[in-house]
């Protein structure tokens, strides 16, 4: 994956995290969430240890990026939507 596509994946994963966060919050809080502050709403632990492995926690930007990369094998990055990843 080249640098341009990696940046697109990162940006898309952040958008999906924000979309997911908004489904979990009440309407007043949804309006406050944006690209600049969405990390304040996520837990600090991005990984967890299970079965002798260090694994990525669910619904973090990195978790979404991994799922986007799997979908990229079948679709173009511009055609990927939130429901494809979920």
PDB file of N, CA and C in Angstrom:
ATOM      1  N   UNK A   1       0.843  -1.169   0.000  1.00  0.00           N
ATOM      2  CA  UNK A   1       0.000   0.000   0.000  1.00  0.00           C
ATOM      3  C   UNK A   1       0.893   1.238   0.000  1.00  0.00           C
ATOM      4  N   UNK A   2       0.609   2.135  -0.912  1.00  0.00           N
ATOM      5  CA  UNK A   2       1.419   3.336  -0.969  1.00  0.00           C
ATOM      6  C   UNK A   2       0.944   4.365   0.066  1.00  0.00           C
ATOM      7  N   UNK A   3       1.709   5.419   0.208  1.00  0.00           N
ATOM      8  CA  UNK A   3       1.445   6.413   1.249  1.00  0.00           C
ATOM      9  C   UNK A   3       0.117   7.131   1.024  1.00  0.00           C
ATOM     10  N   UNK A   4      -0.228   7.397  -0.214  1.00  0.00           N
ATOM     11  CA  UNK A   4      -1.478   8.093  -0.509  1.00  0.00           C
ATOM     12  C   UNK A   4      -2.675   7.263  -0.060  1.00  0.00           C
ATOM     13  N   UNK A   5      -2.645   5.977  -0.363  1.00  0.00           N
ATOM     14  CA  UNK A   5      -3.753   5.108   0.010  1.00  0.00           C
ATOM     15  C   UNK A   5      -3.797   4.906   1.526  1.00  0.00           C
ATOM     16  N   UNK A   6      -2.645   4.861   2.175  1.00  0.00           N
ATOM     17  CA  UNK A   6      -2.602   4.722   3.628  1.00  0.00           C
ATOM     18  C   UNK A   6      -3.241   5.930   4.305  1.00  0.00           C
ATOM     19  N   UNK A   7      -3.000   7.116   3.763  1.00  0.00           N
ATOM     20  CA  UNK A   7      -3.620   8.324   4.318  1.00  0.00           C
ATOM     21  C   UNK A   7      -5.130   8.285   4.136  1.00  0.00           C
ATOM     22  N   UNK A   8      -5.582   7.791   2.996  1.00  0.00           N
ATOM     23  CA  UNK A   8      -7.019   7.687   2.748  1.00  0.00           C
ATOM     24  C   UNK A   8      -7.665   6.698   3.709  1.00  0.00           C
ATOM     25  N   UNK A   9      -6.978   5.584   3.967  1.00  0.00           N
ATOM     26  CA  UNK A   9      -7.495   4.582   4.898  1.00  0.00           C
ATOM     27  C   UNK A   9      -7.580   5.166   6.301  1.00  0.00           C
ATOM     28  N   UNK A  10      -6.564   5.906   6.715  1.00  0.00           N
ATOM     29  CA  UNK A  10      -6.565   6.509   8.045  1.00  0.00           C
ATOM     30  C   UNK A  10      -7.705   7.515   8.182  1.00  0.00           C
ATOM     31  N   UNK A  11      -7.900   8.342   7.180  1.00  0.00           N
ATOM     32  CA  UNK A  11      -8.964   9.343   7.219  1.00  0.00           C
ATOM     33  C   UNK A  11     -10.334   8.674   7.261  1.00  0.00           C
ATOM     34  N   UNK A  12     -10.518   7.640   6.453  1.00  0.00           N
ATOM     35  CA  UNK A  12     -11.782   6.925   6.421  1.00  0.00           C
ATOM     36  C   UNK A  12     -12.050   6.207   7.739  1.00  0.00           C
ATOM     37  N   UNK A  13     -11.008   5.645   8.340  1.00  0.00           N
ATOM     38  CA  UNK A  13     -11.194   4.961   9.619  1.00  0.00           C
ATOM     39  C   UNK A  13     -11.606   5.946  10.712  1.00  0.00           C
ATOM     40  N   UNK A  14     -11.057   7.159  10.689  1.00  0.00           N
ATOM     41  CA  UNK A  14     -11.458   8.177  11.666  1.00  0.00           C
ATOM     42  C   UNK A  14     -12.915   8.587  11.448  1.00  0.00           C
ATOM     43  N   UNK A  15     -13.338   8.688  10.204  1.00  0.00           N
ATOM     44  CA  UNK A  15     -14.736   9.015   9.910  1.00  0.00           C
ATOM     45  C   UNK A  15     -15.663   7.915  10.427  1.00  0.00           C
ATOM     46  N   UNK A  16     -15.261   6.658  10.268  1.00  0.00           N
ATOM     47  CA  UNK A  16     -16.083   5.545  10.737  1.00  0.00           C
ATOM     48  C   UNK A  16     -16.147   5.503  12.257  1.00  0.00           C
ATOM     49  N   UNK A  17     -15.057   5.860  12.937  1.00  0.00           N
ATOM     50  CA  UNK A  17     -15.072   5.914  14.401  1.00  0.00           C
ATOM     51  C   UNK A  17     -16.061   6.979  14.853  1.00  0.00           C
ATOM     52  N   UNK A  18     -16.046   8.113  14.192  1.00  0.00           N
ATOM     53  CA  UNK A  18     -16.963   9.198  14.548  1.00  0.00           C
ATOM     54  C   UNK A  18     -18.409   8.762  14.298  1.00  0.00           C
ATOM     55  N   UNK A  19     -18.651   8.089  13.192  1.00  0.00           N
ATOM     56  CA  UNK A  19     -19.986   7.581  12.896  1.00  0.00           C
ATOM     57  C   UNK A  19     -20.438   6.597  13.963  1.00  0.00           C
ATOM     58  N   UNK A  20     -19.555   5.698  14.350  1.00  0.00           N
ATOM     59  CA  UNK A  20     -19.887   4.723  15.388  1.00  0.00           C
ATOM     60  C   UNK A  20     -20.139   5.419  16.721  1.00  0.00           C
ATOM     61  N   UNK A  21     -19.301   6.380  17.081  1.00  0.00           N
ATOM     62  CA  UNK A  21     -19.479   7.115  18.337  1.00  0.00           C
ATOM     63  C   UNK A  21     -20.823   7.820  18.384  1.00  0.00           C
ATOM     64  N   UNK A  22     -21.217   8.408  17.285  1.00  0.00           N
ATOM     65  CA  UNK A  22     -22.484   9.134  17.255  1.00  0.00           C
ATOM     66  C   UNK A  22     -23.680   8.215  17.461  1.00  0.00           C
ATOM     67  N   UNK A  23     -23.548   6.944  17.102  1.00  0.00           N
ATOM     68  CA  UNK A  23     -24.652   6.008  17.340  1.00  0.00           C
ATOM     69  C   UNK A  23     -24.763   5.659  18.822  1.00  0.00           C
ATOM     70  N   UNK A  24     -23.691   5.854  19.574  1.00  0.00           N
ATOM     71  CA  UNK A  24     -23.671   5.492  20.984  1.00  0.00           C
ATOM     72  C   UNK A  24     -24.028   6.652  21.913  1.00  0.00           C
ATOM     73  N   UNK A  25     -24.034   7.879  21.404  1.00  0.00           N
ATOM     74  CA  UNK A  25     -24.233   9.057  22.241  1.00  0.00           C
ATOM     75  C   UNK A  25     -25.628   9.649  22.048  1.00  0.00           C
ATOM     76  N   UNK A  26     -26.034  10.456  23.023  1.00  0.00           N
ATOM     77  CA  UNK A  26     -27.300  11.165  22.897  1.00  0.00           C
ATOM     78  C   UNK A  26     -27.113  12.348  21.946  1.00  0.00           C
ATOM     79  N   UNK A  27     -28.207  12.944  21.510  1.00  0.00           N
ATOM     80  CA  UNK A  27     -28.144  13.974  20.462  1.00  0.00           C
ATOM     81  C   UNK A  27     -27.297  15.179  20.837  1.00  0.00           C
ATOM     82  N   UNK A  28     -27.362  15.627  22.085  1.00  0.00           N
ATOM     83  CA  UNK A  28     -26.572  16.789  22.491  1.00  0.00           C
ATOM     84  C   UNK A  28     -25.075  16.500  22.396  1.00  0.00           C
ATOM     85  N   UNK A  29     -24.693  15.294  22.785  1.00  0.00           N
ATOM     86  CA  UNK A  29     -23.285  14.902  22.730  1.00  0.00           C
ATOM     87  C   UNK A  29     -22.837  14.634  21.292  1.00  0.00           C
ATOM     88  N   UNK A  30     -23.734  14.149  20.449  1.00  0.00           N
ATOM     89  CA  UNK A  30     -23.387  13.874  19.052  1.00  0.00           C
ATOM     90  C   UNK A  30     -22.914  15.126  18.334  1.00  0.00           C
ATOM     91  N   UNK A  31     -23.523  16.248  18.652  1.00  0.00           N
ATOM     92  CA  UNK A  31     -23.164  17.502  18.000  1.00  0.00           C
ATOM     93  C   UNK A  31     -21.769  17.970  18.399  1.00  0.00           C
ATOM     94  N   UNK A  32     -21.282  17.517  19.545  1.00  0.00           N
ATOM     95  CA  UNK A  32     -19.972  17.933  20.035  1.00  0.00           C
ATOM     96  C   UNK A  32     -18.827  17.129  19.426  1.00  0.00           C
ATOM     97  N   UNK A  33     -19.117  15.934  18.921  1.00  0.00           N
ATOM     98  CA  UNK A  33     -18.072  15.050  18.389  1.00  0.00           C
ATOM     99  C   UNK A  33     -17.663  15.497  16.991  1.00  0.00           C
ATOM    100  N   UNK A  34     -16.345  15.660  16.789  1.00  0.00           N
ATOM    101  CA  UNK A  34     -15.812  15.983  15.463  1.00  0.00           C
ATOM    102  C   UNK A  34     -14.423  15.366  15.334  1.00  0.00           C
ATOM    103  N   UNK A  35     -13.770  15.614  14.217  1.00  0.00           N
ATOM    104  CA  UNK A  35     -12.465  15.012  13.947  1.00  0.00           C
ATOM    105  C   UNK A  35     -11.412  15.470  14.955  1.00  0.00           C
ATOM    106  N   UNK A  36     -11.543  16.685  15.430  1.00  0.00           N
ATOM    107  CA  UNK A  36     -10.534  17.231  16.344  1.00  0.00           C
ATOM    108  C   UNK A  36     -10.597  16.632  17.745  1.00  0.00           C
ATOM    109  N   UNK A  37     -11.783  16.212  18.202  1.00  0.00           N
ATOM    110  CA  UNK A  37     -11.891  15.774  19.590  1.00  0.00           C
ATOM    111  C   UNK A  37     -12.452  14.367  19.787  1.00  0.00           C
ATOM    112  N   UNK A  38     -12.587  13.575  18.746  1.00  0.00           N
ATOM    113  CA  UNK A  38     -13.200  12.258  18.922  1.00  0.00           C
ATOM    114  C   UNK A  38     -12.376  11.333  19.805  1.00  0.00           C
ATOM    115  N   UNK A  39     -11.070  11.552  19.885  1.00  0.00           N
ATOM    116  CA  UNK A  39     -10.219  10.687  20.706  1.00  0.00           C
ATOM    117  C   UNK A  39     -10.482  10.862  22.201  1.00  0.00           C
ATOM    118  N   UNK A  40     -11.077  11.978  22.581  1.00  0.00           N
ATOM    119  CA  UNK A  40     -11.438  12.194  23.981  1.00  0.00           C
ATOM    120  C   UNK A  40     -12.548  11.258  24.429  1.00  0.00           C
ATOM    121  N   UNK A  41     -13.340  10.773  23.489  1.00  0.00           N
ATOM    122  CA  UNK A  41     -14.458   9.893  23.801  1.00  0.00           C
ATOM    123  C   UNK A  41     -14.068   8.409  23.799  1.00  0.00           C
ATOM    124  N   UNK A  42     -12.870   8.101  23.336  1.00  0.00           N
ATOM    125  CA  UNK A  42     -12.409   6.714  23.268  1.00  0.00           C
ATOM    126  C   UNK A  42     -11.584   6.368  24.501  1.00  0.00           C
ATOM    127  N   UNK A  43     -11.568   5.092  24.901  1.00  0.00           N
ATOM    128  CA  UNK A  43     -10.713   4.702  26.027  1.00  0.00           C
ATOM    129  C   UNK A  43      -9.231   4.812  25.661  1.00  0.00           C
ATOM    130  N   UNK A  44      -8.402   4.981  26.653  1.00  0.00           N
ATOM    131  CA  UNK A  44      -6.968   5.127  26.419  1.00  0.00           C
ATOM    132  C   UNK A  44      -6.320   3.818  25.975  1.00  0.00           C
ATOM    133  N   UNK A  45      -6.843   2.699  26.430  1.00  0.00           N
ATOM    134  CA  UNK A  45      -6.275   1.398  26.073  1.00  0.00           C
ATOM    135  C   UNK A  45      -6.686   1.022  24.653  1.00  0.00           C
ATOM    136  N   UNK A  46      -5.707   0.964  23.755  1.00  0.00           N
ATOM    137  CA  UNK A  46      -6.008   0.613  22.375  1.00  0.00           C
ATOM    138  C   UNK A  46      -5.788  -0.869  22.092  1.00  0.00           C
ATOM    139  N   UNK A  47      -5.125  -1.564  23.007  1.00  0.00           N
ATOM    140  CA  UNK A  47      -4.846  -2.984  22.839  1.00  0.00           C
ATOM    141  C   UNK A  47      -5.203  -3.731  24.127  1.00  0.00           C
ATOM    142  N   UNK A  48      -5.398  -5.028  23.995  1.00  0.00           N
ATOM    143  CA  UNK A  48      -5.617  -5.868  25.172  1.00  0.00           C
ATOM    144  C   UNK A  48      -4.878  -7.181  24.982  1.00  0.00           C
ATOM    145  N   UNK A  49      -4.592  -7.834  26.076  1.00  0.00           N
ATOM    146  CA  UNK A  49      -3.839  -9.082  26.072  1.00  0.00           C
ATOM    147  C   UNK A  49      -4.814 -10.229  26.283  1.00  0.00           C
ATOM    148  N   UNK A  50      -4.843 -11.188  25.341  1.00  0.00           N
ATOM    149  CA  UNK A  50      -5.747 -12.312  25.432  1.00  0.00           C
ATOM    150  C   UNK A  50      -5.115 -13.532  24.771  1.00  0.00           C
ATOM    151  N   UNK A  51      -5.195 -14.660  25.445  1.00  0.00           N
ATOM    152  CA  UNK A  51      -4.678 -15.929  24.930  1.00  0.00           C
ATOM    153  C   UNK A  51      -3.218 -15.833  24.501  1.00  0.00           C
ATOM    154  N   UNK A  52      -2.430 -15.124  25.266  1.00  0.00           N
ATOM    155  CA  UNK A  52      -1.010 -15.014  24.969  1.00  0.00           C
ATOM    156  C   UNK A  52      -0.679 -14.080  23.817  1.00  0.00           C
ATOM    157  N   UNK A  53      -1.652 -13.274  23.359  1.00  0.00           N
ATOM    158  CA  UNK A  53      -1.435 -12.350  22.252  1.00  0.00           C
ATOM    159  C   UNK A  53      -1.874 -10.950  22.649  1.00  0.00           C
ATOM    160  N   UNK A  54      -1.236  -9.977  22.053  1.00  0.00           N
ATOM    161  CA  UNK A  54      -1.648  -8.596  22.193  1.00  0.00           C
ATOM    162  C   UNK A  54      -2.539  -8.273  20.999  1.00  0.00           C
ATOM    163  N   UNK A  55      -3.779  -7.884  21.272  1.00  0.00           N
ATOM    164  CA  UNK A  55      -4.754  -7.683  20.198  1.00  0.00           C
ATOM    165  C   UNK A  55      -5.285  -6.255  20.216  1.00  0.00           C
ATOM    166  N   UNK A  56      -5.757  -5.804  19.061  1.00  0.00           N
ATOM    167  CA  UNK A  56      -6.308  -4.457  18.917  1.00  0.00           C
ATOM    168  C   UNK A  56      -7.722  -4.435  19.493  1.00  0.00           C
ATOM    169  N   UNK A  57      -8.018  -3.436  20.303  1.00  0.00           N
ATOM    170  CA  UNK A  57      -9.360  -3.280  20.854  1.00  0.00           C
ATOM    171  C   UNK A  57     -10.345  -2.920  19.742  1.00  0.00           C
ATOM    172  N   UNK A  58     -11.580  -3.319  19.926  1.00  0.00           N
ATOM    173  CA  UNK A  58     -12.607  -3.057  18.916  1.00  0.00           C
ATOM    174  C   UNK A  58     -13.008  -1.593  18.901  1.00  0.00           C
ATOM    175  N   UNK A  59     -13.424  -1.145  17.730  1.00  0.00           N
ATOM    176  CA  UNK A  59     -13.958   0.200  17.497  1.00  0.00           C
ATOM    177  C   UNK A  59     -12.961   1.318  17.775  1.00  0.00           C
ATOM    178  N   UNK A  60     -11.707   1.050  17.515  1.00  0.00           N
ATOM    179  CA  UNK A  60     -10.681   2.082  17.556  1.00  0.00           C
ATOM    180  C   UNK A  60     -10.311   2.409  16.106  1.00  0.00           C
ATOM    181  N   UNK A  61      -9.638   3.530  15.871  1.00  0.00           N
ATOM    182  CA  UNK A  61      -9.265   3.838  14.483  1.00  0.00           C
ATOM    183  C   UNK A  61      -8.429   2.738  13.823  1.00  0.00           C
ATOM    184  N   UNK A  62      -7.559   2.126  14.591  1.00  0.00           N
ATOM    185  CA  UNK A  62      -6.732   1.057  14.019  1.00  0.00           C
ATOM    186  C   UNK A  62      -7.569  -0.168  13.673  1.00  0.00           C
ATOM    187  N   UNK A  63      -8.561  -0.480  14.500  1.00  0.00           N
ATOM    188  CA  UNK A  63      -9.448  -1.608  14.240  1.00  0.00           C
ATOM    189  C   UNK A  63     -10.226  -1.380  12.946  1.00  0.00           C
ATOM    190  N   UNK A  64     -10.749  -0.160  12.785  1.00  0.00           N
ATOM    191  CA  UNK A  64     -11.459   0.162  11.550  1.00  0.00           C
ATOM    192  C   UNK A  64     -10.515   0.116  10.351  1.00  0.00           C
ATOM    193  N   UNK A  65      -9.282   0.576  10.513  1.00  0.00           N
ATOM    194  CA  UNK A  65      -8.315   0.558   9.405  1.00  0.00           C
ATOM    195  C   UNK A  65      -8.038  -0.874   8.956  1.00  0.00           C
ATOM    196  N   UNK A  66      -7.904  -1.784   9.898  1.00  0.00           N
ATOM    197  CA  UNK A  66      -7.682  -3.182   9.541  1.00  0.00           C
ATOM    198  C   UNK A  66      -8.861  -3.740   8.749  1.00  0.00           C
ATOM    199  N   UNK A  67     -10.067  -3.395   9.156  1.00  0.00           N
ATOM    200  CA  UNK A  67     -11.248  -3.880   8.447  1.00  0.00           C
ATOM    201  C   UNK A  67     -11.375  -3.246   7.071  1.00  0.00           C
ATOM    202  N   UNK A  68     -11.006  -1.974   6.959  1.00  0.00           N
ATOM    203  CA  UNK A  68     -11.047  -1.294   5.663  1.00  0.00           C
ATOM    204  C   UNK A  68     -10.071  -1.956   4.701  1.00  0.00           C
ATOM    205  N   UNK A  69      -8.895  -2.312   5.192  1.00  0.00           N
ATOM    206  CA  UNK A  69      -7.893  -2.957   4.345  1.00  0.00           C
ATOM    207  C   UNK A  69      -8.392  -4.300   3.823  1.00  0.00           C
ATOM    208  N   UNK A  70      -9.182  -5.026   4.631  1.00  0.00           N
ATOM    209  CA  UNK A  70      -9.748  -6.292   4.163  1.00  0.00           C
ATOM    210  C   UNK A  70     -10.767  -6.057   3.049  1.00  0.00           C
ATOM    211  N   UNK A  71     -11.567  -5.010   3.203  1.00  0.00           N
ATOM    212  CA  UNK A  71     -12.586  -4.694   2.195  1.00  0.00           C
ATOM    213  C   UNK A  71     -11.937  -4.142   0.928  1.00  0.00           C
ATOM    214  N   UNK A  72     -10.787  -3.508   1.071  1.00  0.00           N
ATOM    215  CA  UNK A  72     -10.078  -2.926  -0.077  1.00  0.00           C
ATOM    216  C   UNK A  72      -9.716  -3.965  -1.134  1.00  0.00           C
ATOM    217  N   UNK A  73      -9.612  -5.207  -0.738  1.00  0.00           N
ATOM    218  CA  UNK A  73      -9.284  -6.263  -1.695  1.00  0.00           C
ATOM    219  C   UNK A  73     -10.428  -6.475  -2.684  1.00  0.00           C
ATOM    220  N   UNK A  74     -11.655  -6.111  -2.268  1.00  0.00           N
ATOM    221  CA  UNK A  74     -12.828  -6.309  -3.116  1.00  0.00           C
ATOM    222  C   UNK A  74     -13.358  -5.026  -3.734  1.00  0.00           C
ATOM    223  N   UNK A  75     -13.128  -3.878  -3.074  1.00  0.00           N
ATOM    224  CA  UNK A  75     -13.715  -2.612  -3.508  1.00  0.00           C
ATOM    225  C   UNK A  75     -12.675  -1.519  -3.576  1.00  0.00           C
ATOM    226  N   UNK A  76     -13.038  -0.469  -4.289  1.00  0.00           N
ATOM    227  CA  UNK A  76     -12.222   0.739  -4.335  1.00  0.00           C
ATOM    228  C   UNK A  76     -12.456   1.533  -3.043  1.00  0.00           C
ATOM    229  N   UNK A  77     -11.472   2.280  -2.606  1.00  0.00           N
ATOM    230  CA  UNK A  77     -11.573   3.008  -1.341  1.00  0.00           C
ATOM    231  C   UNK A  77     -12.699   4.029  -1.349  1.00  0.00           C
ATOM    232  N   UNK A  78     -13.003   4.599  -2.513  1.00  0.00           N
ATOM    233  CA  UNK A  78     -14.072   5.582  -2.599  1.00  0.00           C
ATOM    234  C   UNK A  78     -15.456   4.953  -2.514  1.00  0.00           C
ATOM    235  N   UNK A  79     -15.556   3.649  -2.711  1.00  0.00           N
ATOM    236  CA  UNK A  79     -16.842   2.951  -2.682  1.00  0.00           C
ATOM    237  C   UNK A  79     -17.144   2.298  -1.334  1.00  0.00           C
ATOM    238  N   UNK A  80     -16.208   2.333  -0.404  1.00  0.00           N
ATOM    239  CA  UNK A  80     -16.396   1.688   0.894  1.00  0.00           C
ATOM    240  C   UNK A  80     -17.298   2.546   1.757  1.00  0.00           C
ATOM    241  N   UNK A  81     -18.315   1.926   2.344  1.00  0.00           N
ATOM    242  CA  UNK A  81     -19.217   2.630   3.256  1.00  0.00           C
ATOM    243  C   UNK A  81     -19.171   1.947   4.612  1.00  0.00           C
ATOM    244  N   UNK A  82     -19.746   2.593   5.599  1.00  0.00           N
ATOM    245  CA  UNK A  82     -19.697   2.124   6.987  1.00  0.00           C
ATOM    246  C   UNK A  82     -20.241   0.701   7.136  1.00  0.00           C
ATOM    247  N   UNK A  83     -21.311   0.384   6.438  1.00  0.00           N
ATOM    248  CA  UNK A  83     -21.900  -0.953   6.572  1.00  0.00           C
ATOM    249  C   UNK A  83     -21.019  -2.053   5.988  1.00  0.00           C
ATOM    250  N   UNK A  84     -20.125  -1.722   5.057  1.00  0.00           N
ATOM    251  CA  UNK A  84     -19.189  -2.708   4.516  1.00  0.00           C
ATOM    252  C   UNK A  84     -18.212  -3.183   5.591  1.00  0.00           C
ATOM    253  N   UNK A  85     -17.850  -2.282   6.463  1.00  0.00           N
ATOM    254  CA  UNK A  85     -16.845  -2.583   7.486  1.00  0.00           C
ATOM    255  C   UNK A  85     -17.483  -3.296   8.676  1.00  0.00           C
ATOM    256  N   UNK A  86     -18.715  -2.969   8.948  1.00  0.00           N
ATOM    257  CA  UNK A  86     -19.399  -3.589  10.076  1.00  0.00           C
ATOM    258  C   UNK A  86     -19.949  -4.915   9.634  1.00  0.00           C
TER     259      UNK A  86
END
